[in-house]
Every structure is written in structure tokens, then in C-alpha cells.
Amino acid sequence: MRWIGNGVTAAAAATMLLADMALAGPTSISRVGATGTRDQFVLRFDLLSPGGFSCAADAPGSQVRSGRDLLGRPMIRVFGDARAAVITCTDAEGTRWQATANRTAPYTPAEPTYGTVVYRPGQPAMMTIVELGDQTEYQHKTFVRVD
């Protein structure tokens, strides 16, 4: 039984290491974005969000990585001038949503800013919880339906 536990622990550690490497930011960004900032904004969804979302970002002068977290929900990372990024998501019914939390979020080059969409069906706009280190902001109406 102990071997099984050790095997599960080793598999979990390997999975976390691979996820960290896959989602890590670029190793060298020099003068990215219009103002030369090195901001990093990560948009993700809360646990109660329905499946079927797909997201994309248009961020001139910045690098964008899109993918999914371990639960299959979309995750967008913007490296560079995150304020200029236009993040658009489409739900399973084809409705488009736009995230605006990245425009007013606090940034520092030292660590990423995380935006977690608190999706609630039937609402025209949702809240985004923005986290930077120990700071937490609750930004209302920052995930807005555009269709």
C-alpha cells in the first residue's frame, strides 16, 4: 500500500512540475508593449463556471498564451502591456463575452496579476476577483456580454 501512495505522490509532483513549465512565462521579455511594461495578467474561471468556454486575446505588442487549466476551463495569459489586451470569450451557446478587469487591475513586474471570473448564468455582466500578491479586489461588471 505504501508503494501505491508513493507512486500517486510522485505522479502528482510530476504533473505539477510539467504544468508549471508549460504555463511559465517567457524567459526574456525586453521592452514589451507600448510602454515597455512587463505586466502579466492571467484570466481564469471559477469552479462553478460551465464548460464549453473558449477564450482568445488580441494584445498588440504582447505575447498571449491560451490554454486550459487542470479542470479544462480556459486560461489566458498576457505578457506585456496587459491593459491594451482585448480578451474575448465565447460560451457553449455562441454568446460572446469580454473581460475588462485587465484594464484597471494593479500590476507589478515582480509577479502576475490573476483575474478569476465569477460566472453566473443569466446575468449580462459578471464580477472578476483580481489578485496581486496579498491584494484582492472585487471588480463588479468586468466580464460583460457583448452579443
Protein backbone atom coordinates (compact mmCIF):
# COMPACT_ATOMS: atom_id res chain seq x y z
CA MET A 1 0.00 0.00 0.00
CA ARG A 2 2.86 2.35 0.74
CA TRP A 3 4.18 1.90 -2.80
CA ILE A 4 0.84 2.98 -4.21
CA GLY A 5 0.84 6.11 -2.08
CA ASN A 6 4.40 6.94 -3.10
CA GLY A 7 3.51 6.39 -6.76
CA VAL A 8 0.49 8.69 -6.56
CA THR A 9 2.55 11.36 -4.81
CA ALA A 10 5.31 11.14 -7.42
CA ALA A 11 2.77 11.34 -10.26
CA ALA A 12 1.14 14.40 -8.70
CA ALA A 13 4.52 16.10 -8.25
CA ALA A 14 5.47 15.36 -11.86
CA THR A 15 2.14 16.72 -13.09
CA MET A 16 2.57 19.94 -11.12
CA LEU A 17 6.12 20.36 -12.41
CA LEU A 18 5.04 19.84 -16.02
CA ALA A 19 2.13 22.27 -15.60
CA ASP A 20 4.48 24.89 -14.13
CA MET A 21 6.86 24.50 -17.05
CA ALA A 22 4.06 24.60 -19.63
CA LEU A 23 2.38 27.67 -18.15
CA ALA A 24 5.53 29.56 -17.21
CA GLY A 25 6.10 32.92 -18.77
CA PRO A 26 8.66 33.76 -21.38
CA THR A 27 12.20 33.72 -20.06
CA SER A 28 13.16 37.05 -21.55
CA ILE A 29 10.83 39.90 -22.38
CA SER A 30 12.53 43.16 -23.15
CA ARG A 31 10.52 46.30 -23.77
CA VAL A 32 7.24 44.51 -24.43
CA GLY A 33 4.14 46.56 -25.05
CA ALA A 34 3.60 50.19 -25.92
CA THR A 35 5.03 51.48 -22.65
CA GLY A 36 7.75 48.88 -22.21
CA THR A 37 5.97 47.22 -19.32
CA ARG A 38 6.42 43.61 -18.36
CA ASP A 39 2.98 43.09 -16.88
CA GLN A 40 1.47 39.65 -16.70
CA PHE A 41 -2.28 39.13 -16.48
CA VAL A 42 -3.88 35.70 -16.12
CA LEU A 43 -7.61 35.30 -16.73
CA ARG A 44 -9.24 32.13 -15.42
CA PHE A 45 -12.72 30.94 -14.37
CA ASP A 46 -14.12 29.88 -11.01
CA LEU A 47 -15.12 26.32 -10.16
CA LEU A 48 -18.82 26.89 -10.83
CA SER A 49 -18.33 28.09 -14.41
CA PRO A 50 -19.95 25.88 -17.04
CA GLY A 51 -17.87 24.01 -19.57
CA GLY A 52 -17.70 24.94 -23.22
CA PHE A 53 -15.98 28.31 -22.90
CA SER A 54 -13.23 29.23 -25.32
CA CYS A 55 -11.19 32.41 -24.96
CA ALA A 56 -8.80 34.40 -27.12
CA ALA A 57 -6.92 37.65 -26.64
CA ASP A 58 -5.78 40.32 -29.04
CA ALA A 59 -2.85 42.08 -27.42
CA PRO A 60 -0.78 44.24 -29.77
CA GLY A 61 2.91 44.18 -28.87
CA SER A 62 2.43 41.50 -26.22
CA GLN A 63 2.65 37.75 -26.03
CA VAL A 64 -0.52 35.77 -25.42
CA ARG A 65 -0.75 32.16 -24.31
CA SER A 66 -4.10 30.47 -24.20
CA GLY A 67 -4.81 27.06 -22.84
CA ARG A 68 -6.79 25.23 -20.23
CA ASP A 69 -6.25 24.61 -16.54
CA LEU A 70 -6.25 21.14 -14.99
CA LEU A 71 -10.06 21.13 -14.83
CA GLY A 72 -10.44 22.02 -18.52
CA ARG A 73 -11.52 25.64 -18.07
CA PRO A 74 -9.92 28.24 -20.34
CA MET A 75 -6.94 30.24 -19.14
CA ILE A 76 -5.45 33.26 -20.93
CA ARG A 77 -2.04 34.71 -20.09
CA VAL A 78 -0.98 38.12 -21.41
CA PHE A 79 2.71 39.02 -21.11
CA GLY A 80 3.48 42.66 -21.81
CA ASP A 81 1.03 45.55 -21.97
CA ALA A 82 -1.94 43.76 -20.40
CA ARG A 83 -4.07 46.91 -20.25
CA ALA A 84 -4.20 47.05 -24.05
CA ALA A 85 -5.33 43.44 -24.45
CA VAL A 86 -8.85 42.65 -25.63
CA ILE A 87 -9.88 39.33 -24.09
CA THR A 88 -12.96 37.76 -25.67
CA CYS A 89 -14.61 34.51 -24.60
CA THR A 90 -17.36 32.50 -26.27
CA ASP A 91 -19.66 30.21 -24.30
CA ALA A 92 -21.22 26.93 -25.48
CA GLU A 93 -24.28 28.72 -26.94
CA GLY A 94 -22.09 31.06 -29.01
CA THR A 95 -22.57 34.13 -26.82
CA ARG A 96 -19.51 36.39 -26.70
CA TRP A 97 -18.19 37.93 -23.51
CA GLN A 98 -15.43 40.46 -22.99
CA ALA A 99 -13.18 40.77 -19.96
CA THR A 100 -12.31 44.29 -18.87
CA ALA A 101 -10.66 43.61 -15.49
CA ASN A 102 -7.20 43.70 -17.10
CA ARG A 103 -7.63 47.43 -17.88
CA THR A 104 -7.99 48.51 -14.25
CA ALA A 105 -6.05 45.78 -12.45
CA PRO A 106 -2.94 46.60 -10.42
CA TYR A 107 0.33 45.36 -11.92
CA THR A 108 3.93 44.83 -10.91
CA PRO A 109 6.69 43.19 -12.95
CA ALA A 110 7.57 41.05 -9.92
CA GLU A 111 4.52 38.77 -10.05
CA PRO A 112 1.45 38.03 -12.17
CA THR A 113 -1.98 39.54 -11.63
CA TYR A 114 -4.75 36.94 -11.56
CA GLY A 115 -8.32 37.63 -12.63
CA THR A 116 -10.88 34.97 -11.72
CA VAL A 117 -14.26 35.32 -13.43
CA VAL A 118 -17.17 34.54 -11.13
CA TYR A 119 -19.56 33.33 -13.82
CA ARG A 120 -23.27 33.28 -13.05
CA PRO A 121 -25.73 32.26 -15.79
CA GLY A 122 -28.42 34.66 -16.91
CA GLN A 123 -26.50 37.80 -15.95
CA PRO A 124 -25.38 40.43 -18.52
CA ALA A 125 -22.16 41.13 -16.58
CA MET A 126 -20.16 39.19 -14.02
CA MET A 127 -17.66 40.01 -11.31
CA THR A 128 -13.93 39.37 -11.57
CA ILE A 129 -11.80 38.80 -8.49
CA VAL A 130 -8.41 40.40 -9.16
CA GLU A 131 -5.46 39.23 -7.08
CA LEU A 132 -1.94 40.61 -6.95
CA GLY A 133 0.11 39.10 -4.16
CA ASP A 134 -1.78 39.83 -0.93
CA GLN A 135 -4.10 42.38 -2.57
CA THR A 136 -7.60 41.31 -3.59
CA GLU A 137 -10.08 43.47 -5.47
CA TYR A 138 -13.66 42.57 -6.30
CA GLN A 139 -14.36 44.25 -9.63
CA HIS A 140 -18.05 44.17 -10.49
CA LYS A 141 -19.31 44.06 -14.08
CA THR A 142 -15.90 43.33 -15.61
CA PHE A 143 -16.90 40.25 -17.61
CA VAL A 144 -19.51 41.71 -19.93
CA ARG A 145 -21.80 40.12 -22.50
CA VAL A 146 -21.23 41.71 -25.93
CA ASP A 147 -23.80 39.80 -28.04
